[in-house]
Amino acid sequence: MVEATPRELREFQPPRELMGILGRLREAGHEAWIVGGAVRDLLLGRSPAEFDVATSASPDRVVALFDRVVETGIAHGTVTVVQEGFSCEVTTYRAGRAYAEEGGGFVGTLEEDLAMRDFTVNAMAYDPIDDRFVDPHGGCADLRAGRLRAVGSPEARYSEDPLRPVRAARFAARFGWRIDRETRRAMPAFVDEFRRRVAPERIGQEMGKLLVSPHPRYGLEILRRTGYLASILPELLEGLGLRQNRWHRYDVYHHVLRALNAAPPDLVVRLAVLLHDVDKPRSAAPSPRHPGENTFYGHEVSGAKRAREICLRLRFSKRIADEVELLVREHQFVYTEEWSDAAVRRMLARVGDSFDRLLEVRRADILGHGRNEEALLDDLRALERRSRKLLEQRPALQIRDLAIGGREVMETLGIGPSPKVGEALRYLLGQVLEEPSRNEPETLIRLLRERYGA
């Protein structure tokens, strides 16, 4: 089973802490191998983001061998060993049981463990202590060929964990691989199992990784064609075949996918781009002036709320959902030189720290049009230059930036704490956004008295 070690692994210099973990397990009489994604990434010439170790030691034995161990998944045989700030997951060889769903015993051989892994490119093992490489399922050859293939029977692997078809799409999106014919052909049959058995948290994690991959459009198309997108994001499919207007070459669905590929690999930005037109199908109406075209009035407002709901459904954090909602609501703008400085400041005030992300969302949206892109991009660049210049003046953009606060408002108006205080502060902020020179205590108090007759 041991094969010649590929050059990429021979040249690998393992972290000292990792070698210490492997060595400690070996000294105690157990097998210990680097497995999974780390071996795959090393063979691809990439630095692994993390390392996983497979061992013949039981979870209890691993816990006993190391001073700092976090029982991250001990029911499934996995613990996290921490050494001098370095951490890696150590998993006992797995037995014939569902990969992610069920408990069970453990087997005693590396071969049996690798036979249970999802894809051949993730079913290789390397022992850097004795320079041994194990690849029983041809993962290295599949890597060279850019092919994603299930270990053994695709049906068996998908039965163990029906999230694996989505993982296949995610790996294809990340590496640009084609999925082996049999591996792909088996995917649609497990959509119902996927819907019944896979928790939203796990779906959201996979989708998040797919979205920040180099080829998200490719991954989403795989999910659409195999039936999974209809379960995960049915809202996207409402835009398939929905014609737009003279400014768009593509239907709503394909516009979104083109925009997504044009967006930077920032999760919040890509979620916002993915969902920026989510309510176009529901707001579509025939154009009264241009037969055969559609209008989508207000889709950004209704779509913002819907986008937030989708993010929460996929168990993204409230912080992410809130920012995606903001970006979707604000994305539908077309800047011209006629905008006043006050209009630009009001936009900056509305989006706050999300301004850079809003520019990226709008840029991706434009690049997804397929028409008139350069003129729109020129306008966007002009807005960015103008905004940067205004920001250099450090204008008051939030209530906290005002020269007076709630205490001064209450003293001026002769009131106690109440909603009227917030209302007054918002009024003052609007006045300052219109004319920044008003942001001085005497002027703000005068404006308050004029407004409220105090």
Protein backbone atom coordinates (compact mmCIF):
# COMPACT_ATOMS: atom_id res chain seq x y z
CA MET A 1 0.00 0.00 0.00
CA VAL A 2 2.92 2.38 0.66
CA GLU A 3 3.96 4.17 -2.53
CA ALA A 4 6.83 6.37 -3.63
CA THR A 5 6.55 9.74 -1.93
CA PRO A 6 5.80 12.58 -4.37
CA ARG A 7 8.33 15.39 -4.55
CA GLU A 8 5.93 17.94 -3.02
CA LEU A 9 5.71 15.87 0.16
CA ARG A 10 9.43 15.11 0.32
CA GLU A 11 10.16 18.85 0.23
CA PHE A 12 7.57 19.64 2.91
CA GLN A 13 8.95 21.00 6.19
CA PRO A 14 6.31 20.08 8.82
CA PRO A 15 5.73 22.47 11.72
CA ARG A 16 7.77 21.44 14.73
CA GLU A 17 4.63 21.18 16.86
CA LEU A 18 2.98 18.86 14.35
CA MET A 19 6.02 16.60 14.36
CA GLY A 20 5.84 16.59 18.14
CA ILE A 21 2.21 15.38 18.07
CA LEU A 22 2.99 12.66 15.53
CA GLY A 23 6.10 11.63 17.45
CA ARG A 24 4.29 11.41 20.78
CA LEU A 25 1.65 9.12 19.31
CA ARG A 26 4.29 6.96 17.67
CA GLU A 27 6.36 6.72 20.86
CA ALA A 28 3.27 5.47 22.68
CA GLY A 29 2.96 2.62 20.18
CA HIS A 30 0.29 4.05 17.88
CA GLU A 31 0.17 4.80 14.19
CA ALA A 32 -0.10 8.46 13.21
CA TRP A 33 -0.52 9.96 9.74
CA ILE A 34 -1.26 13.36 8.22
CA VAL A 35 -4.44 12.83 6.22
CA GLY A 36 -7.11 14.57 4.17
CA GLY A 37 -7.02 18.11 2.94
CA ALA A 38 -3.50 18.87 4.16
CA VAL A 39 -1.99 16.11 2.03
CA ARG A 40 -4.10 17.21 -0.93
CA ASP A 41 -3.05 20.84 -0.58
CA LEU A 42 0.63 19.95 -0.22
CA LEU A 43 0.47 17.93 -3.44
CA LEU A 44 -1.10 20.97 -5.11
CA GLY A 45 1.79 23.14 -3.93
CA ARG A 46 -0.38 25.01 -1.42
CA SER A 47 0.24 25.70 2.25
CA PRO A 48 -2.41 23.85 4.29
CA ALA A 49 -4.64 26.04 6.42
CA GLU A 50 -4.85 23.24 8.97
CA PHE A 51 -3.63 19.73 9.60
CA ASP A 52 -5.58 16.58 10.44
CA VAL A 53 -4.00 13.50 11.97
CA ALA A 54 -5.43 9.98 11.81
CA THR A 55 -4.29 7.50 14.44
CA SER A 56 -4.86 4.00 15.73
CA ALA A 57 -5.04 5.43 19.28
CA SER A 58 -8.49 5.62 20.86
CA PRO A 59 -9.88 9.06 21.71
CA ASP A 60 -9.40 8.40 25.42
CA ARG A 61 -5.80 7.41 24.78
CA VAL A 62 -5.14 10.61 22.81
CA VAL A 63 -6.60 12.66 25.66
CA ALA A 64 -4.31 10.91 28.11
CA LEU A 65 -1.19 11.48 26.01
CA PHE A 66 -1.36 15.26 25.72
CA ASP A 67 -1.57 18.05 28.27
CA ARG A 68 -3.96 20.27 26.32
CA VAL A 69 -6.80 18.57 24.47
CA VAL A 70 -10.18 20.00 23.44
CA GLU A 71 -12.86 17.34 23.02
CA THR A 72 -14.27 18.93 19.87
CA GLY A 73 -15.91 15.78 18.51
CA ILE A 74 -15.00 12.95 20.80
CA ALA A 75 -18.22 11.05 20.03
CA HIS A 76 -16.95 10.79 16.46
CA GLY A 77 -13.41 9.99 17.54
CA THR A 78 -12.00 13.50 17.10
CA VAL A 79 -10.17 15.69 19.58
CA THR A 80 -8.11 18.83 19.05
CA VAL A 81 -4.58 18.70 20.42
CA VAL A 82 -3.00 22.04 21.30
CA GLN A 83 0.79 22.37 21.45
CA GLU A 84 2.46 25.73 22.09
CA GLY A 85 -0.29 27.63 20.30
CA PHE A 86 -0.44 25.14 17.41
CA SER A 87 -3.53 22.96 17.13
CA CYS A 88 -4.64 20.10 14.95
CA GLU A 89 -7.48 17.60 14.97
CA VAL A 90 -6.55 14.03 15.85
CA THR A 91 -9.10 11.41 14.81
CA THR A 92 -9.15 7.72 15.59
CA TYR A 93 -9.47 5.46 12.54
CA ARG A 94 -13.11 5.32 11.58
CA ALA A 95 -15.28 2.21 11.38
CA GLY A 96 -18.18 1.37 9.08
CA ARG A 97 -20.60 4.06 10.20
CA ALA A 98 -22.13 7.20 8.77
CA TYR A 99 -19.40 9.78 8.40
CA ALA A 100 -21.15 12.68 10.10
CA GLU A 101 -24.41 11.45 11.49
CA GLU A 102 -24.00 8.45 13.74
CA GLY A 103 -21.86 7.08 16.50
CA GLY A 104 -20.08 3.75 16.40
CA GLY A 105 -16.87 1.90 16.96
CA PHE A 106 -13.48 2.34 15.40
CA VAL A 107 -11.31 0.17 13.20
CA GLY A 108 -7.66 -0.58 13.54
CA THR A 109 -6.26 0.09 10.08
CA LEU A 110 -5.49 3.14 8.04
CA GLU A 111 -6.76 1.42 4.88
CA GLU A 112 -10.25 1.01 6.31
CA ASP A 113 -10.28 4.61 7.49
CA LEU A 114 -9.26 5.98 4.08
CA ALA A 115 -11.91 3.81 2.41
CA MET A 116 -14.58 5.76 4.29
CA ARG A 117 -13.46 9.21 3.18
CA ASP A 118 -15.47 11.20 0.67
CA PHE A 119 -13.25 11.71 -2.38
CA THR A 120 -10.02 10.14 -3.54
CA VAL A 121 -8.15 13.45 -3.34
CA ASN A 122 -8.98 13.51 0.37
CA ALA A 123 -8.12 9.83 0.95
CA MET A 124 -4.33 10.01 1.00
CA ALA A 125 -2.03 9.83 4.00
CA TYR A 126 1.55 10.88 4.68
CA ASP A 127 3.95 9.99 7.47
CA PRO A 128 6.68 12.66 7.52
CA ILE A 129 8.64 10.83 10.22
CA ASP A 130 9.41 7.79 8.04
CA ASP A 131 8.60 9.51 4.73
CA ARG A 132 5.77 7.12 3.82
CA PHE A 133 2.94 7.96 1.43
CA VAL A 134 -0.31 6.00 1.12
CA ASP A 135 -2.76 6.47 -1.75
CA PRO A 136 -4.95 3.36 -2.09
CA HIS A 137 -7.65 4.97 -4.26
CA GLY A 138 -5.65 6.88 -6.84
CA GLY A 139 -6.10 10.32 -5.35
CA CYS A 140 -2.76 11.60 -6.59
CA ALA A 141 -3.60 10.67 -10.19
CA ASP A 142 -7.00 12.33 -9.83
CA LEU A 143 -5.30 15.48 -8.57
CA ARG A 144 -3.04 15.57 -11.59
CA ALA A 145 -6.05 15.08 -13.86
CA GLY A 146 -8.17 17.73 -12.13
CA ARG A 147 -10.81 15.11 -11.39
CA LEU A 148 -13.04 14.74 -8.32
CA ARG A 149 -14.02 11.12 -7.76
CA ALA A 150 -15.77 9.39 -4.89
CA VAL A 151 -13.90 6.76 -2.91
CA GLY A 152 -15.37 3.45 -4.04
CA SER A 153 -19.12 3.59 -4.64
CA PRO A 154 -20.52 7.15 -4.87
CA GLU A 155 -23.87 5.85 -3.62
CA ALA A 156 -22.22 4.40 -0.51
CA ARG A 157 -20.37 7.63 0.22
CA TYR A 158 -23.47 9.79 -0.27
CA SER A 159 -25.54 7.44 1.88
CA GLU A 160 -23.07 7.90 4.72
CA ASP A 161 -23.39 11.68 4.51
CA PRO A 162 -25.83 13.30 2.04
CA LEU A 163 -23.97 16.61 2.39
CA ARG A 164 -21.17 15.14 0.30
CA PRO A 165 -22.73 16.05 -3.07
CA VAL A 166 -22.69 19.69 -1.96
CA ARG A 167 -19.08 19.24 -0.88
CA ALA A 168 -18.36 17.96 -4.39
CA ALA A 169 -19.75 21.19 -5.84
CA ARG A 170 -17.72 23.17 -3.33
CA PHE A 171 -14.46 21.42 -4.23
CA ALA A 172 -15.22 21.93 -7.93
CA ALA A 173 -15.77 25.64 -7.24
CA ARG A 174 -12.59 25.91 -5.23
CA PHE A 175 -10.22 24.05 -7.54
CA GLY A 176 -11.97 24.19 -10.90
CA TRP A 177 -12.08 20.40 -11.08
CA ARG A 178 -14.52 18.38 -13.14
CA ILE A 179 -16.55 15.84 -11.23
CA ASP A 180 -16.13 12.24 -12.36
CA ARG A 181 -19.11 11.00 -14.38
CA GLU A 182 -20.21 8.29 -11.93
CA THR A 183 -19.66 10.56 -8.94
CA ARG A 184 -21.82 13.26 -10.50
CA ARG A 185 -24.44 10.90 -11.90
CA ALA A 186 -25.18 9.60 -8.40
CA MET A 187 -25.75 13.07 -6.90
CA PRO A 188 -29.43 13.76 -7.80
CA ALA A 189 -30.70 10.58 -6.12
CA PHE A 190 -29.72 11.92 -2.69
CA VAL A 191 -31.50 15.28 -2.76
CA ASP A 192 -34.32 14.02 -0.54
CA GLU A 193 -31.86 12.48 1.92
CA PHE A 194 -29.97 15.76 1.93
CA ARG A 195 -33.17 17.68 2.69
CA ARG A 196 -34.16 15.35 5.53
CA ARG A 197 -30.87 14.65 7.23
CA VAL A 198 -28.49 17.60 6.86
CA ALA A 199 -28.65 20.40 9.42
CA PRO A 200 -28.86 24.01 8.19
CA GLU A 201 -25.61 24.85 10.00
CA ARG A 202 -23.67 22.35 7.90
CA ILE A 203 -25.32 23.55 4.69
CA GLY A 204 -24.44 27.15 5.52
CA GLN A 205 -20.83 26.22 6.22
CA GLU A 206 -20.47 24.49 2.85
CA MET A 207 -22.21 27.30 0.99
CA GLY A 208 -20.00 29.88 2.66
CA LYS A 209 -16.89 28.02 1.50
CA LEU A 210 -18.31 27.59 -2.00
CA LEU A 211 -19.16 31.28 -2.29
CA VAL A 212 -15.63 32.47 -1.47
CA SER A 213 -14.07 29.97 -3.88
CA PRO A 214 -12.41 31.10 -7.13
CA HIS A 215 -15.25 29.66 -9.24
CA PRO A 216 -18.55 30.11 -7.34
CA ARG A 217 -20.60 30.28 -10.54
CA TYR A 218 -19.36 26.82 -11.54
CA GLY A 219 -20.23 25.35 -8.15
CA LEU A 220 -23.73 26.84 -8.12
CA GLU A 221 -24.42 25.53 -11.60
CA ILE A 222 -23.45 22.04 -10.46
CA LEU A 223 -25.91 22.38 -7.57
CA ARG A 224 -28.63 23.62 -9.90
CA ARG A 225 -28.18 20.86 -12.45
CA THR A 226 -28.12 18.12 -9.80
CA GLY A 227 -31.18 19.44 -7.92
CA TYR A 228 -29.54 20.70 -4.73
CA LEU A 229 -29.90 24.43 -5.39
CA ALA A 230 -33.68 24.04 -5.40
CA SER A 231 -33.44 22.83 -1.81
CA ILE A 232 -30.80 25.29 -0.61
CA LEU A 233 -31.69 28.52 -2.42
CA PRO A 234 -34.95 28.07 -4.34
CA GLU A 235 -35.26 31.86 -4.51
CA LEU A 236 -32.39 32.02 -7.02
CA LEU A 237 -34.18 29.75 -9.45
CA GLU A 238 -37.12 32.17 -9.65
CA GLY A 239 -34.86 34.36 -11.78
CA LEU A 240 -33.99 31.62 -14.28
CA GLY A 241 -35.29 32.67 -17.69
CA LEU A 242 -36.67 35.99 -16.40
CA ARG A 243 -35.81 38.58 -19.02
CA GLN A 244 -34.67 42.00 -17.81
CA ASN A 245 -34.24 45.04 -20.05
CA ARG A 246 -31.93 46.76 -22.52
CA TRP A 247 -29.33 47.32 -19.81
CA HIS A 248 -28.93 43.59 -19.18
CA ARG A 249 -27.78 40.94 -21.61
CA TYR A 250 -28.70 38.06 -19.30
CA ASP A 251 -31.72 36.83 -17.39
CA VAL A 252 -31.79 37.51 -13.66
CA TYR A 253 -30.28 34.17 -12.64
CA HIS A 254 -27.32 34.25 -15.04
CA HIS A 255 -26.73 37.94 -14.31
CA VAL A 256 -26.36 37.06 -10.63
CA LEU A 257 -23.90 34.25 -11.37
CA ARG A 258 -21.77 36.46 -13.61
CA ALA A 259 -21.75 39.18 -10.96
CA LEU A 260 -20.80 36.65 -8.30
CA ASN A 261 -17.72 35.54 -10.21
CA ALA A 262 -16.71 39.20 -10.59
CA ALA A 263 -16.92 39.92 -6.84
CA PRO A 264 -13.90 39.66 -4.51
CA PRO A 265 -13.80 36.54 -2.29
CA ASP A 266 -15.25 38.29 0.75
CA LEU A 267 -18.14 36.30 2.26
CA VAL A 268 -20.33 39.34 3.04
CA VAL A 269 -19.78 40.85 -0.40
CA ARG A 270 -20.46 37.58 -2.20
CA LEU A 271 -23.59 36.89 -0.17
CA ALA A 272 -24.84 40.38 -0.99
CA VAL A 273 -24.07 39.90 -4.68
CA LEU A 274 -25.71 36.48 -4.67
CA LEU A 275 -28.88 37.95 -3.17
CA HIS A 276 -28.87 41.50 -4.54
CA ASP A 277 -31.62 40.75 -7.07
CA VAL A 278 -33.42 38.07 -5.07
CA ASP A 279 -36.73 39.93 -5.22
CA LYS A 280 -36.64 40.89 -8.89
CA PRO A 281 -38.90 37.98 -9.86
CA ARG A 282 -41.55 39.06 -7.35
CA SER A 283 -41.36 42.73 -8.31
CA ALA A 284 -41.21 42.18 -12.07
CA ALA A 285 -43.77 44.02 -14.19
CA PRO A 286 -44.00 44.63 -17.95
CA SER A 287 -42.41 47.93 -18.95
CA PRO A 288 -45.11 50.37 -20.09
CA ARG A 289 -42.65 52.11 -22.42
CA HIS A 290 -40.63 49.19 -23.83
CA PRO A 291 -42.59 46.08 -24.86
CA GLY A 292 -40.86 42.83 -24.03
CA GLU A 293 -38.88 44.35 -21.16
CA ASN A 294 -39.50 44.23 -17.42
CA THR A 295 -39.23 46.75 -14.62
CA PHE A 296 -38.34 45.83 -11.06
CA TYR A 297 -39.31 48.85 -8.99
CA GLY A 298 -38.47 48.57 -5.31
CA HIS A 299 -36.80 45.17 -5.59
CA GLU A 300 -33.82 46.37 -3.56
CA VAL A 301 -36.02 47.29 -0.57
CA SER A 302 -38.12 44.14 -0.43
CA GLY A 303 -35.11 42.07 -1.46
CA ALA A 304 -33.01 43.36 1.44
CA LYS A 305 -35.39 41.87 3.98
CA ARG A 306 -35.60 38.63 2.07
CA ALA A 307 -31.81 38.43 1.79
CA ARG A 308 -31.49 38.77 5.54
CA GLU A 309 -34.01 35.98 6.10
CA ILE A 310 -32.07 33.70 3.75
CA CYS A 311 -28.79 34.39 5.55
CA LEU A 312 -30.35 33.54 8.89
CA ARG A 313 -31.97 30.43 7.44
CA LEU A 314 -28.51 29.23 6.44
CA ARG A 315 -27.31 30.03 9.96
CA PHE A 316 -24.95 32.83 9.06
CA SER A 317 -24.44 35.19 11.98
CA LYS A 318 -26.80 38.07 12.70
CA ARG A 319 -23.93 40.48 12.02
CA ILE A 320 -23.44 39.05 8.53
CA ALA A 321 -27.21 38.97 7.86
CA ASP A 322 -27.57 42.61 8.93
CA GLU A 323 -24.75 43.81 6.70
CA VAL A 324 -25.99 41.80 3.72
CA GLU A 325 -29.42 43.37 4.23
CA LEU A 326 -27.85 46.84 4.21
CA LEU A 327 -25.80 46.17 1.07
CA VAL A 328 -28.75 44.73 -0.86
CA ARG A 329 -30.93 47.69 0.12
CA GLU A 330 -28.30 50.21 -0.99
CA HIS A 331 -26.90 48.51 -4.10
CA GLN A 332 -29.32 50.01 -6.63
CA PHE A 333 -27.79 53.41 -7.24
CA VAL A 334 -26.48 55.12 -10.36
CA TYR A 335 -24.09 57.93 -9.55
CA THR A 336 -23.90 61.06 -11.70
CA GLU A 337 -21.97 64.31 -11.35
CA GLU A 338 -25.23 66.03 -10.49
CA TRP A 339 -25.17 64.48 -7.03
CA SER A 340 -24.59 67.14 -4.40
CA ASP A 341 -21.95 66.74 -1.71
CA ALA A 342 -24.81 66.39 0.75
CA ALA A 343 -26.21 63.46 -1.26
CA VAL A 344 -22.84 61.71 -1.13
CA ARG A 345 -22.54 62.35 2.61
CA ARG A 346 -26.03 60.95 3.16
CA MET A 347 -25.03 57.76 1.38
CA LEU A 348 -21.86 57.53 3.45
CA ALA A 349 -23.93 58.03 6.59
CA ARG A 350 -26.38 55.28 5.62
CA VAL A 351 -23.75 52.64 4.88
CA GLY A 352 -21.08 53.62 7.42
CA ASP A 353 -18.18 51.17 7.55
CA SER A 354 -19.79 49.09 4.78
CA PHE A 355 -19.02 51.68 2.10
CA ASP A 356 -16.06 49.79 0.61
CA ARG A 357 -18.11 46.62 0.45
CA LEU A 358 -20.98 48.50 -1.18
CA LEU A 359 -18.61 49.67 -3.92
CA GLU A 360 -17.55 46.07 -4.50
CA VAL A 361 -21.17 44.88 -4.65
CA ARG A 362 -22.07 47.59 -7.14
CA ARG A 363 -18.95 46.92 -9.20
CA ALA A 364 -19.80 43.21 -9.43
CA ASP A 365 -23.42 44.06 -10.28
CA ILE A 366 -22.23 46.24 -13.17
CA LEU A 367 -19.82 43.58 -14.43
CA GLY A 368 -22.74 41.15 -14.55
CA HIS A 369 -24.73 43.34 -16.93
CA GLY A 370 -22.97 42.34 -20.10
CA ARG A 371 -23.77 45.79 -21.56
CA ASN A 372 -22.68 49.40 -20.97
CA GLU A 373 -20.26 48.25 -18.30
CA GLU A 374 -17.38 50.68 -18.83
CA ALA A 375 -19.55 53.81 -18.63
CA LEU A 376 -21.12 52.60 -15.37
CA LEU A 377 -17.72 51.66 -13.97
CA ASP A 378 -16.39 55.11 -14.80
CA ASP A 379 -19.26 56.65 -12.83
CA LEU A 380 -18.57 54.31 -9.92
CA ARG A 381 -14.90 55.27 -9.88
CA ALA A 382 -15.90 58.93 -9.88
CA LEU A 383 -18.13 58.33 -6.86
CA GLU A 384 -15.30 56.58 -5.06
CA ARG A 385 -12.87 59.45 -5.70
CA ARG A 386 -15.39 62.01 -4.57
CA SER A 387 -16.28 60.06 -1.46
CA ARG A 388 -12.65 59.64 -0.45
CA LYS A 389 -12.13 63.36 -0.82
CA LEU A 390 -15.17 64.15 1.34
CA LEU A 391 -14.08 61.62 3.96
CA GLU A 392 -10.71 63.35 4.23
CA GLN A 393 -12.64 66.31 5.65
CA ARG A 394 -13.84 64.06 8.49
CA PRO A 395 -17.52 65.06 8.27
CA ALA A 396 -20.04 64.11 10.94
CA LEU A 397 -21.77 61.02 9.54
CA GLN A 398 -23.26 59.49 12.69
CA ILE A 399 -25.09 60.85 15.74
CA ARG A 400 -22.00 60.17 17.83
CA ASP A 401 -20.10 62.64 15.63
CA LEU A 402 -22.37 65.58 16.57
CA ALA A 403 -20.93 68.41 18.65
CA ILE A 404 -23.70 67.94 21.24
CA GLY A 405 -25.35 64.85 22.66
CA GLY A 406 -28.51 63.73 24.37
CA ARG A 407 -27.80 65.63 27.58
CA GLU A 408 -27.59 68.97 25.78
CA VAL A 409 -30.75 68.16 23.82
CA MET A 410 -32.68 67.47 27.03
CA GLU A 411 -31.37 70.67 28.64
CA THR A 412 -32.27 72.78 25.61
CA LEU A 413 -35.75 71.33 25.20
CA GLY A 414 -36.45 70.98 28.92
CA ILE A 415 -37.33 67.26 28.62
CA GLY A 416 -36.20 64.04 30.20
CA PRO A 417 -35.13 60.81 28.52
CA SER A 418 -37.66 59.98 25.80
CA PRO A 419 -37.93 59.04 22.10
CA LYS A 420 -38.01 62.76 21.36
CA VAL A 421 -34.31 62.98 22.22
CA GLY A 422 -33.40 60.48 19.50
CA GLU A 423 -35.73 62.23 17.06
CA ALA A 424 -34.01 65.56 17.79
CA LEU A 425 -30.55 64.09 17.33
CA ARG A 426 -31.53 62.54 14.00
CA TYR A 427 -32.87 65.93 12.88
CA LEU A 428 -29.58 67.58 13.81
CA LEU A 429 -27.59 64.93 11.96
CA GLY A 430 -29.64 65.60 8.85
CA GLN A 431 -28.85 69.30 9.16
CA VAL A 432 -25.14 68.59 9.53
CA LEU A 433 -25.08 66.19 6.59
CA GLU A 434 -26.57 68.96 4.49
CA GLU A 435 -24.04 71.52 5.74
CA PRO A 436 -21.06 70.25 7.82
CA SER A 437 -20.24 73.75 9.16
CA ARG A 438 -23.38 73.54 11.30
CA ASN A 439 -21.71 70.98 13.54
CA GLU A 440 -20.86 73.33 16.42
CA PRO A 441 -22.68 73.52 19.75
CA GLU A 442 -24.12 77.03 19.37
CA THR A 443 -25.52 76.35 15.89
CA LEU A 444 -26.99 72.98 16.85
CA ILE A 445 -28.72 74.43 19.90
CA ARG A 446 -30.10 77.27 17.78
CA LEU A 447 -31.41 74.76 15.23
CA LEU A 448 -33.07 72.81 18.04
CA ARG A 449 -34.84 75.89 19.38
CA GLU A 450 -36.02 76.89 15.93
CA ARG A 451 -37.30 73.39 15.24
CA TYR A 452 -39.06 72.77 18.53
CA GLY A 453 -39.89 76.29 19.65
CA ALA A 454 -37.85 75.97 22.82
